[in-house]
Amino acid sequence: MDLDLLSKWPDLVRGLIARVGAEWESHGSLRSWRKGEHGGVVSDLDLRLDVAIRQTFSTYYPDVPVLSEELGWLYPIDSVSATWAAVVDPVDGTDSLVARQRTWWTSVALVEEGVPRAGLMHQPTTGKTHDSMAPRRYHRASKAIGLSPDQIEADETHGLRQRLKRNQFSVLPIPHAVEKVAAVVEGRCEGCIYLPSATSPGWHSWDLAACLAVAQSSHLVLRAADGSDIRLGDLAAYYHIPWICSTDVASWDVIRAAVAT
């Protein structure tokens, strides 16, 4: 691990929060489009934040390539790191952003050979920040489990919801990967579950890279639903892996049993 690279992370975080905040404050009315006829939503703020984050990142890590949801891979011309990369999601939850809901986040991760070494989850609308290098302590979680909103009343999750309720869990609608992990970090939920669905059939590295770093530093358990570690061997890949994030191993095992049954 290159400790010199990680030593720059706190300065990067301060720079990113300031730049993202400035873009949010000055964004004005949102314009949004679909990526293809039936694709996901993208807004002009997604694009502005993507560029702003890249510019800020290049100040501290000029030699490290960056992968983002909106602009893909960009490599520094003069020097390319073979082992390190940044993974950026300028807006995780653009549909929430467009709907003026406070459940979207900006996330950035520094990844070494597919392993997230540092991660930032920041929400400009509320000022909430979760930084893997500056973890915070929160109160014990409520007895609630988060599911994607489209699965709260879906027939295919009826059995799962009943099993969770038999374990004294309430079930809450929690959208988007970063919001799910933030809900566990902040104690709003004891756990959150991602299951592939027609609305969200999979995820990319930029959805979970920062989440994995923050979860580890916060002593949460974030694993694939089969119990295996989540590995980002191919940062550009599209994964169809269900996952569970929970406050501790005991809770994770209970939630997994409800999912696997």
C-alpha atoms as a PDB file:
ATOM      1  CA  MET A   1       0.000   0.000   0.000  1.00  0.00           C
ATOM      2  CA  ASP A   2       1.339   3.473  -0.927  1.00  0.00           C
ATOM      3  CA  LEU A   3       1.038   5.425   2.330  1.00  0.00           C
ATOM      4  CA  ASP A   4       2.071   8.656   0.589  1.00  0.00           C
ATOM      5  CA  LEU A   5      -1.015   8.468  -1.601  1.00  0.00           C
ATOM      6  CA  LEU A   6      -3.277   7.864   1.391  1.00  0.00           C
ATOM      7  CA  SER A   7      -1.670  10.731   3.323  1.00  0.00           C
ATOM      8  CA  LYS A   8      -3.147  13.158   0.775  1.00  0.00           C
ATOM      9  CA  TRP A   9      -6.688  11.878   1.331  1.00  0.00           C
ATOM     10  CA  PRO A  10      -7.755  14.319   4.116  1.00  0.00           C
ATOM     11  CA  ASP A  11      -6.776  17.299   1.952  1.00  0.00           C
ATOM     12  CA  LEU A  12      -8.634  15.783  -0.997  1.00  0.00           C
ATOM     13  CA  VAL A  13     -11.763  15.331   1.135  1.00  0.00           C
ATOM     14  CA  ARG A  14     -11.737  18.967   2.211  1.00  0.00           C
ATOM     15  CA  GLY A  15     -11.246  20.082  -1.379  1.00  0.00           C
ATOM     16  CA  LEU A  16     -13.974  17.813  -2.691  1.00  0.00           C
ATOM     17  CA  ILE A  17     -16.540  18.890  -0.097  1.00  0.00           C
ATOM     18  CA  ALA A  18     -15.869  22.543  -0.860  1.00  0.00           C
ATOM     19  CA  ARG A  19     -16.046  22.065  -4.635  1.00  0.00           C
ATOM     20  CA  VAL A  20     -19.129  19.834  -4.575  1.00  0.00           C
ATOM     21  CA  GLY A  21     -20.841  22.280  -2.234  1.00  0.00           C
ATOM     22  CA  ALA A  22     -20.076  25.193  -4.538  1.00  0.00           C
ATOM     23  CA  GLU A  23     -21.485  23.345  -7.555  1.00  0.00           C
ATOM     24  CA  TRP A  24     -24.620  22.424  -5.594  1.00  0.00           C
ATOM     25  CA  GLU A  25     -25.199  25.993  -4.370  1.00  0.00           C
ATOM     26  CA  SER A  26     -24.822  27.440  -7.886  1.00  0.00           C
ATOM     27  CA  HIS A  27     -26.625  24.766  -9.907  1.00  0.00           C
ATOM     28  CA  GLY A  28     -29.910  26.617 -10.481  1.00  0.00           C
ATOM     29  CA  SER A  29     -32.747  24.710 -12.129  1.00  0.00           C
ATOM     30  CA  LEU A  30     -31.994  21.118 -13.053  1.00  0.00           C
ATOM     31  CA  ARG A  31     -32.109  19.757 -16.575  1.00  0.00           C
ATOM     32  CA  SER A  32     -32.305  15.988 -16.955  1.00  0.00           C
ATOM     33  CA  TRP A  33     -32.288  13.376 -19.726  1.00  0.00           C
ATOM     34  CA  ARG A  34     -32.456   9.620 -20.156  1.00  0.00           C
ATOM     35  CA  LYS A  35     -29.446   7.543 -21.196  1.00  0.00           C
ATOM     36  CA  GLY A  36     -31.013   5.973 -24.253  1.00  0.00           C
ATOM     37  CA  GLU A  37     -34.711   5.373 -24.763  1.00  0.00           C
ATOM     38  CA  HIS A  38     -35.177   3.302 -21.607  1.00  0.00           C
ATOM     39  CA  GLY A  39     -31.996   4.139 -19.704  1.00  0.00           C
ATOM     40  CA  GLY A  40     -31.419   5.753 -16.350  1.00  0.00           C
ATOM     41  CA  VAL A  41     -31.733   9.448 -15.639  1.00  0.00           C
ATOM     42  CA  VAL A  42     -28.799  11.860 -15.854  1.00  0.00           C
ATOM     43  CA  SER A  43     -28.857  15.545 -14.986  1.00  0.00           C
ATOM     44  CA  ASP A  44     -26.667  18.494 -15.817  1.00  0.00           C
ATOM     45  CA  LEU A  45     -25.544  18.479 -12.170  1.00  0.00           C
ATOM     46  CA  ASP A  46     -24.248  14.895 -12.590  1.00  0.00           C
ATOM     47  CA  LEU A  47     -22.032  16.110 -15.421  1.00  0.00           C
ATOM     48  CA  ARG A  48     -20.887  19.273 -13.653  1.00  0.00           C
ATOM     49  CA  LEU A  49     -20.021  17.360 -10.493  1.00  0.00           C
ATOM     50  CA  ASP A  50     -18.197  14.693 -12.497  1.00  0.00           C
ATOM     51  CA  VAL A  51     -15.917  17.304 -14.065  1.00  0.00           C
ATOM     52  CA  ALA A  52     -15.482  19.227 -10.796  1.00  0.00           C
ATOM     53  CA  ILE A  53     -14.525  16.084  -8.872  1.00  0.00           C
ATOM     54  CA  ARG A  54     -12.022  15.085 -11.560  1.00  0.00           C
ATOM     55  CA  GLN A  55     -10.439  18.534 -11.523  1.00  0.00           C
ATOM     56  CA  THR A  56     -10.135  18.504  -7.741  1.00  0.00           C
ATOM     57  CA  PHE A  57      -8.828  14.944  -7.724  1.00  0.00           C
ATOM     58  CA  SER A  58      -6.118  15.789 -10.266  1.00  0.00           C
ATOM     59  CA  THR A  59      -4.760  18.451  -7.908  1.00  0.00           C
ATOM     60  CA  TYR A  60      -3.891  15.836  -5.289  1.00  0.00           C
ATOM     61  CA  TYR A  61      -3.489  12.729  -7.454  1.00  0.00           C
ATOM     62  CA  PRO A  62      -2.279  13.895 -10.876  1.00  0.00           C
ATOM     63  CA  ASP A  63      -0.959  10.464 -11.853  1.00  0.00           C
ATOM     64  CA  VAL A  64      -3.999   8.359 -10.955  1.00  0.00           C
ATOM     65  CA  PRO A  65      -6.641   7.404 -13.559  1.00  0.00           C
ATOM     66  CA  VAL A  66     -10.287   8.100 -12.775  1.00  0.00           C
ATOM     67  CA  LEU A  67     -13.363   6.026 -13.603  1.00  0.00           C
ATOM     68  CA  SER A  68     -16.798   7.588 -13.233  1.00  0.00           C
ATOM     69  CA  GLU A  69     -20.356   6.707 -14.122  1.00  0.00           C
ATOM     70  CA  GLU A  70     -20.796   9.601 -16.529  1.00  0.00           C
ATOM     71  CA  LEU A  71     -17.426  10.015 -18.290  1.00  0.00           C
ATOM     72  CA  GLY A  72     -15.914   6.534 -17.974  1.00  0.00           C
ATOM     73  CA  TRP A  73     -12.149   6.123 -17.786  1.00  0.00           C
ATOM     74  CA  LEU A  74      -9.795   9.086 -18.167  1.00  0.00           C
ATOM     75  CA  TYR A  75      -6.070   8.480 -17.852  1.00  0.00           C
ATOM     76  CA  PRO A  76      -3.381  11.112 -17.155  1.00  0.00           C
ATOM     77  CA  ILE A  77      -1.321  11.621 -20.298  1.00  0.00           C
ATOM     78  CA  ASP A  78       2.102  11.878 -18.676  1.00  0.00           C
ATOM     79  CA  SER A  79       1.846   9.127 -16.104  1.00  0.00           C
ATOM     80  CA  VAL A  80      -0.583   6.272 -15.497  1.00  0.00           C
ATOM     81  CA  SER A  81      -0.740   4.319 -12.241  1.00  0.00           C
ATOM     82  CA  ALA A  82      -0.857   0.587 -12.828  1.00  0.00           C
ATOM     83  CA  THR A  83      -2.268  -0.251  -9.410  1.00  0.00           C
ATOM     84  CA  TRP A  84      -4.272   2.752  -8.174  1.00  0.00           C
ATOM     85  CA  ALA A  85      -7.486   4.299  -9.501  1.00  0.00           C
ATOM     86  CA  ALA A  86     -10.224   6.646  -8.365  1.00  0.00           C
ATOM     87  CA  VAL A  87     -13.846   5.559  -8.698  1.00  0.00           C
ATOM     88  CA  VAL A  88     -16.420   8.348  -8.776  1.00  0.00           C
ATOM     89  CA  ASP A  89     -20.200   8.499  -8.679  1.00  0.00           C
ATOM     90  CA  PRO A  90     -21.045  12.208  -8.917  1.00  0.00           C
ATOM     91  CA  VAL A  91     -24.705  11.525  -8.072  1.00  0.00           C
ATOM     92  CA  ASP A  92     -25.796   8.181  -6.670  1.00  0.00           C
ATOM     93  CA  GLY A  93     -29.565   8.521  -7.023  1.00  0.00           C
ATOM     94  CA  THR A  94     -30.197  10.994  -9.837  1.00  0.00           C
ATOM     95  CA  ASP A  95     -33.924  10.202  -9.829  1.00  0.00           C
ATOM     96  CA  SER A  96     -34.011  11.274  -6.172  1.00  0.00           C
ATOM     97  CA  LEU A  97     -32.069  14.423  -7.019  1.00  0.00           C
ATOM     98  CA  VAL A  98     -34.508  15.339  -9.792  1.00  0.00           C
ATOM     99  CA  ALA A  99     -37.432  14.651  -7.440  1.00  0.00           C
ATOM    100  CA  ARG A 100     -35.847  16.972  -4.829  1.00  0.00           C
ATOM    101  CA  GLN A 101     -35.432  14.151  -2.314  1.00  0.00           C
ATOM    102  CA  ARG A 102     -32.497  14.077   0.100  1.00  0.00           C
ATOM    103  CA  THR A 103     -31.480  10.504  -0.602  1.00  0.00           C
ATOM    104  CA  TRP A 104     -28.800  11.111  -3.240  1.00  0.00           C
ATOM    105  CA  TRP A 105     -25.082  11.182  -2.501  1.00  0.00           C
ATOM    106  CA  THR A 106     -21.753  11.964  -4.110  1.00  0.00           C
ATOM    107  CA  SER A 107     -19.190   9.225  -3.584  1.00  0.00           C
ATOM    108  CA  VAL A 108     -15.470   8.925  -4.320  1.00  0.00           C
ATOM    109  CA  ALA A 109     -13.121   6.038  -3.582  1.00  0.00           C
ATOM    110  CA  LEU A 110      -9.406   5.478  -3.917  1.00  0.00           C
ATOM    111  CA  VAL A 111      -8.848   1.895  -5.025  1.00  0.00           C
ATOM    112  CA  GLU A 112      -5.662  -0.178  -5.040  1.00  0.00           C
ATOM    113  CA  GLU A 113      -5.767  -3.239  -7.316  1.00  0.00           C
ATOM    114  CA  GLY A 114      -9.536  -3.468  -6.913  1.00  0.00           C
ATOM    115  CA  VAL A 115      -9.531  -2.956  -3.132  1.00  0.00           C
ATOM    116  CA  PRO A 116     -11.065   0.312  -1.834  1.00  0.00           C
ATOM    117  CA  ARG A 117      -8.484   1.905   0.483  1.00  0.00           C
ATOM    118  CA  ALA A 118     -10.343   5.154   1.175  1.00  0.00           C
ATOM    119  CA  GLY A 119     -13.882   6.306   0.555  1.00  0.00           C
ATOM    120  CA  LEU A 120     -16.018   9.421   0.864  1.00  0.00           C
ATOM    121  CA  MET A 121     -19.819   9.586   0.910  1.00  0.00           C
ATOM    122  CA  HIS A 122     -21.080  13.193   0.891  1.00  0.00           C
ATOM    123  CA  GLN A 123     -24.591  14.630   0.674  1.00  0.00           C
ATOM    124  CA  PRO A 124     -24.565  18.324  -0.272  1.00  0.00           C
ATOM    125  CA  THR A 125     -28.245  18.877   0.524  1.00  0.00           C
ATOM    126  CA  THR A 126     -27.765  18.079   4.220  1.00  0.00           C
ATOM    127  CA  GLY A 127     -24.004  18.420   4.646  1.00  0.00           C
ATOM    128  CA  LYS A 128     -23.720  14.824   5.837  1.00  0.00           C
ATOM    129  CA  THR A 129     -20.296  13.293   5.265  1.00  0.00           C
ATOM    130  CA  HIS A 130     -18.949   9.798   5.880  1.00  0.00           C
ATOM    131  CA  ASP A 131     -15.198   9.525   5.417  1.00  0.00           C
ATOM    132  CA  SER A 132     -13.471   6.171   5.859  1.00  0.00           C
ATOM    133  CA  MET A 133     -10.420   7.934   7.314  1.00  0.00           C
ATOM    134  CA  ALA A 134     -12.491   9.862   9.840  1.00  0.00           C
ATOM    135  CA  PRO A 135     -15.185   7.418  11.004  1.00  0.00           C
ATOM    136  CA  ARG A 136     -17.812   8.679  13.449  1.00  0.00           C
ATOM    137  CA  ARG A 137     -19.714   6.890  16.212  1.00  0.00           C
ATOM    138  CA  TYR A 138     -23.491   6.714  16.072  1.00  0.00           C
ATOM    139  CA  HIS A 139     -26.125   5.339  18.423  1.00  0.00           C
ATOM    140  CA  ARG A 140     -27.252   1.739  18.159  1.00  0.00           C
ATOM    141  CA  ALA A 141     -29.458   1.123  15.136  1.00  0.00           C
ATOM    142  CA  SER A 142     -33.217   0.945  15.191  1.00  0.00           C
ATOM    143  CA  LYS A 143     -34.783  -2.470  14.604  1.00  0.00           C
ATOM    144  CA  ALA A 144     -35.405  -1.773  10.910  1.00  0.00           C
ATOM    145  CA  ILE A 145     -34.233  -3.257   7.613  1.00  0.00           C
ATOM    146  CA  GLY A 146     -34.027  -1.237   4.425  1.00  0.00           C
ATOM    147  CA  LEU A 147     -35.232  -2.577   1.074  1.00  0.00           C
ATOM    148  CA  SER A 148     -35.373  -0.852  -2.294  1.00  0.00           C
ATOM    149  CA  PRO A 149     -38.671   1.068  -2.613  1.00  0.00           C
ATOM    150  CA  ASP A 150     -39.883  -1.061  -5.544  1.00  0.00           C
ATOM    151  CA  GLN A 151     -39.526  -4.176  -3.349  1.00  0.00           C
ATOM    152  CA  ILE A 152     -41.470  -2.967  -0.310  1.00  0.00           C
ATOM    153  CA  GLU A 153     -44.755  -4.352  -1.627  1.00  0.00           C
ATOM    154  CA  ALA A 154     -43.520  -6.607  -4.442  1.00  0.00           C
ATOM    155  CA  ASP A 155     -44.833 -10.180  -4.611  1.00  0.00           C
ATOM    156  CA  GLU A 156     -41.328 -11.592  -4.973  1.00  0.00           C
ATOM    157  CA  THR A 157     -40.226 -10.163  -1.610  1.00  0.00           C
ATOM    158  CA  HIS A 158     -43.379 -11.109   0.329  1.00  0.00           C
ATOM    159  CA  GLY A 159     -41.763 -14.140   1.985  1.00  0.00           C
ATOM    160  CA  LEU A 160     -38.604 -12.199   2.817  1.00  0.00           C
ATOM    161  CA  ARG A 161     -40.588  -9.387   4.432  1.00  0.00           C
ATOM    162  CA  GLN A 162     -42.596 -11.846   6.491  1.00  0.00           C
ATOM    163  CA  ARG A 163     -39.441 -13.583   7.724  1.00  0.00           C
ATOM    164  CA  LEU A 164     -37.910 -10.238   8.671  1.00  0.00           C
ATOM    165  CA  LYS A 165     -41.038  -9.263  10.582  1.00  0.00           C
ATOM    166  CA  ARG A 166     -40.983 -12.582  12.455  1.00  0.00           C
ATOM    167  CA  ASN A 167     -37.524 -11.540  13.640  1.00  0.00           C
ATOM    168  CA  GLN A 168     -39.052  -8.296  14.964  1.00  0.00           C
ATOM    169  CA  PHE A 169     -37.713  -6.140  12.126  1.00  0.00           C
ATOM    170  CA  SER A 170     -39.741  -3.385  10.536  1.00  0.00           C
ATOM    171  CA  VAL A 171     -39.095  -2.840   6.813  1.00  0.00           C
ATOM    172  CA  LEU A 172     -38.330   0.595   5.387  1.00  0.00           C
ATOM    173  CA  PRO A 173     -37.963   1.832   1.800  1.00  0.00           C
ATOM    174  CA  ILE A 174     -34.312   2.854   1.350  1.00  0.00           C
ATOM    175  CA  PRO A 175     -33.209   3.666  -2.224  1.00  0.00           C
ATOM    176  CA  HIS A 176     -29.744   3.636  -3.792  1.00  0.00           C
ATOM    177  CA  ALA A 177     -26.551   1.907  -2.671  1.00  0.00           C
ATOM    178  CA  VAL A 178     -24.938   4.791  -0.804  1.00  0.00           C
ATOM    179  CA  GLU A 179     -28.179   5.735   0.979  1.00  0.00           C
ATOM    180  CA  LYS A 180     -28.557   2.105   2.084  1.00  0.00           C
ATOM    181  CA  VAL A 181     -25.074   2.006   3.618  1.00  0.00           C
ATOM    182  CA  ALA A 182     -25.476   5.501   5.095  1.00  0.00           C
ATOM    183  CA  ALA A 183     -28.696   4.368   6.786  1.00  0.00           C
ATOM    184  CA  VAL A 184     -26.754   1.618   8.564  1.00  0.00           C
ATOM    185  CA  VAL A 185     -23.777   3.850   9.383  1.00  0.00           C
ATOM    186  CA  GLU A 186     -26.112   6.459  10.908  1.00  0.00           C
ATOM    187  CA  GLY A 187     -28.172   3.937  12.881  1.00  0.00           C
ATOM    188  CA  ARG A 188     -31.396   4.522  10.945  1.00  0.00           C
ATOM    189  CA  CYS A 189     -31.437   0.815  10.056  1.00  0.00           C
ATOM    190  CA  GLU A 190     -29.860  -2.288  11.535  1.00  0.00           C
ATOM    191  CA  GLY A 191     -29.295  -3.534   8.020  1.00  0.00           C
ATOM    192  CA  CYS A 192     -30.072  -2.907   4.360  1.00  0.00           C
ATOM    193  CA  ILE A 193     -30.501  -5.399   1.542  1.00  0.00           C
ATOM    194  CA  TYR A 194     -29.836  -4.982  -2.153  1.00  0.00           C
ATOM    195  CA  LEU A 195     -31.574  -7.515  -4.382  1.00  0.00           C
ATOM    196  CA  PRO A 196     -31.435  -7.276  -8.195  1.00  0.00           C
ATOM    197  CA  SER A 197     -34.794  -6.284  -9.694  1.00  0.00           C
ATOM    198  CA  ALA A 198     -36.275  -5.075 -12.960  1.00  0.00           C
ATOM    199  CA  THR A 199     -35.752  -1.505 -11.763  1.00  0.00           C
ATOM    200  CA  SER A 200     -32.173  -2.104 -10.617  1.00  0.00           C
ATOM    201  CA  PRO A 201     -30.785  -5.330 -12.117  1.00  0.00           C
ATOM    202  CA  GLY A 202     -27.193  -4.715 -11.076  1.00  0.00           C
ATOM    203  CA  TRP A 203     -24.533  -2.310  -9.886  1.00  0.00           C
ATOM    204  CA  HIS A 204     -21.110  -0.953 -10.836  1.00  0.00           C
ATOM    205  CA  SER A 205     -17.921  -0.353  -8.873  1.00  0.00           C
ATOM    206  CA  TRP A 206     -18.803   3.323  -8.431  1.00  0.00           C
ATOM    207  CA  ASP A 207     -21.974   2.313  -6.577  1.00  0.00           C
ATOM    208  CA  LEU A 208     -20.132   0.365  -3.859  1.00  0.00           C
ATOM    209  CA  ALA A 209     -16.437   1.307  -3.805  1.00  0.00           C
ATOM    210  CA  ALA A 210     -16.780   4.166  -1.309  1.00  0.00           C
ATOM    211  CA  CYS A 211     -19.430   2.184   0.597  1.00  0.00           C
ATOM    212  CA  LEU A 212     -17.022  -0.713   1.129  1.00  0.00           C
ATOM    213  CA  ALA A 213     -14.312   1.574   2.522  1.00  0.00           C
ATOM    214  CA  VAL A 214     -16.712   3.446   4.819  1.00  0.00           C
ATOM    215  CA  ALA A 215     -18.392   0.234   5.999  1.00  0.00           C
ATOM    216  CA  GLN A 216     -15.060  -1.326   6.926  1.00  0.00           C
ATOM    217  CA  SER A 217     -13.874   1.733   8.847  1.00  0.00           C
ATOM    218  CA  SER A 218     -17.240   1.900  10.658  1.00  0.00           C
ATOM    219  CA  HIS A 219     -16.994  -1.797  11.627  1.00  0.00           C
ATOM    220  CA  LEU A 220     -20.081  -2.731   9.615  1.00  0.00           C
ATOM    221  CA  VAL A 221     -20.481  -5.972   7.681  1.00  0.00           C
ATOM    222  CA  LEU A 222     -20.962  -5.442   3.938  1.00  0.00           C
ATOM    223  CA  ARG A 223     -20.835  -8.716   2.015  1.00  0.00           C
ATOM    224  CA  ALA A 224     -22.424 -10.498  -0.896  1.00  0.00           C
ATOM    225  CA  ALA A 225     -25.627 -12.254   0.163  1.00  0.00           C
ATOM    226  CA  ASP A 226     -23.924 -15.648  -0.178  1.00  0.00           C
ATOM    227  CA  GLY A 227     -21.456 -14.639   2.548  1.00  0.00           C
ATOM    228  CA  SER A 228     -18.477 -13.991   0.285  1.00  0.00           C
ATOM    229  CA  ASP A 229     -16.433 -10.807   0.241  1.00  0.00           C
ATOM    230  CA  ILE A 230     -17.297  -8.308  -2.468  1.00  0.00           C
ATOM    231  CA  ARG A 231     -14.338  -7.903  -4.803  1.00  0.00           C
ATOM    232  CA  LEU A 232     -14.012  -5.250  -7.497  1.00  0.00           C
ATOM    233  CA  GLY A 233     -11.567  -7.065  -9.725  1.00  0.00           C
ATOM    234  CA  ASP A 234     -12.891  -5.375 -12.859  1.00  0.00           C
ATOM    235  CA  LEU A 235     -13.802  -1.789 -12.041  1.00  0.00           C
ATOM    236  CA  ALA A 236     -15.730  -1.385 -15.293  1.00  0.00           C
ATOM    237  CA  ALA A 237     -17.819  -4.555 -14.852  1.00  0.00           C
ATOM    238  CA  TYR A 238     -21.559  -4.712 -14.217  1.00  0.00           C
ATOM    239  CA  TYR A 239     -22.330  -6.926 -11.221  1.00  0.00           C
ATOM    240  CA  HIS A 240     -25.604  -8.737 -10.517  1.00  0.00           C
ATOM    241  CA  ILE A 241     -24.621  -9.719  -6.984  1.00  0.00           C
ATOM    242  CA  PRO A 242     -27.124  -9.230  -4.132  1.00  0.00           C
ATOM    243  CA  TRP A 243     -25.557  -7.828  -0.988  1.00  0.00           C
ATOM    244  CA  ILE A 244     -26.339  -7.091   2.641  1.00  0.00           C
ATOM    245  CA  CYS A 245     -24.954  -4.366   4.895  1.00  0.00           C
ATOM    246  CA  SER A 246     -25.493  -4.720   8.638  1.00  0.00           C
ATOM    247  CA  THR A 247     -24.273  -3.359  11.946  1.00  0.00           C
ATOM    248  CA  ASP A 248     -22.488  -6.546  12.996  1.00  0.00           C
ATOM    249  CA  VAL A 249     -21.966 -10.205  12.160  1.00  0.00           C
ATOM    250  CA  ALA A 250     -24.841 -11.457  14.330  1.00  0.00           C
ATOM    251  CA  SER A 251     -27.377  -9.173  12.652  1.00  0.00           C
ATOM    252  CA  TRP A 252     -25.920  -9.940   9.230  1.00  0.00           C
ATOM    253  CA  ASP A 253     -26.408 -13.671   9.802  1.00  0.00           C
ATOM    254  CA  VAL A 254     -30.046 -13.187  10.799  1.00  0.00           C
ATOM    255  CA  ILE A 255     -30.743 -11.034   7.750  1.00  0.00           C
ATOM    256  CA  ARG A 256     -28.928 -13.450   5.466  1.00  0.00           C
ATOM    257  CA  ALA A 257     -31.013 -16.348   6.776  1.00  0.00           C
ATOM    258  CA  ALA A 258     -34.175 -14.409   5.921  1.00  0.00           C
ATOM    259  CA  VAL A 259     -32.889 -13.679   2.412  1.00  0.00           C
ATOM    260  CA  ALA A 260     -31.641 -17.217   1.737  1.00  0.00           C
ATOM    261  CA  THR A 261     -34.692 -19.104   2.996  1.00  0.00           C
END
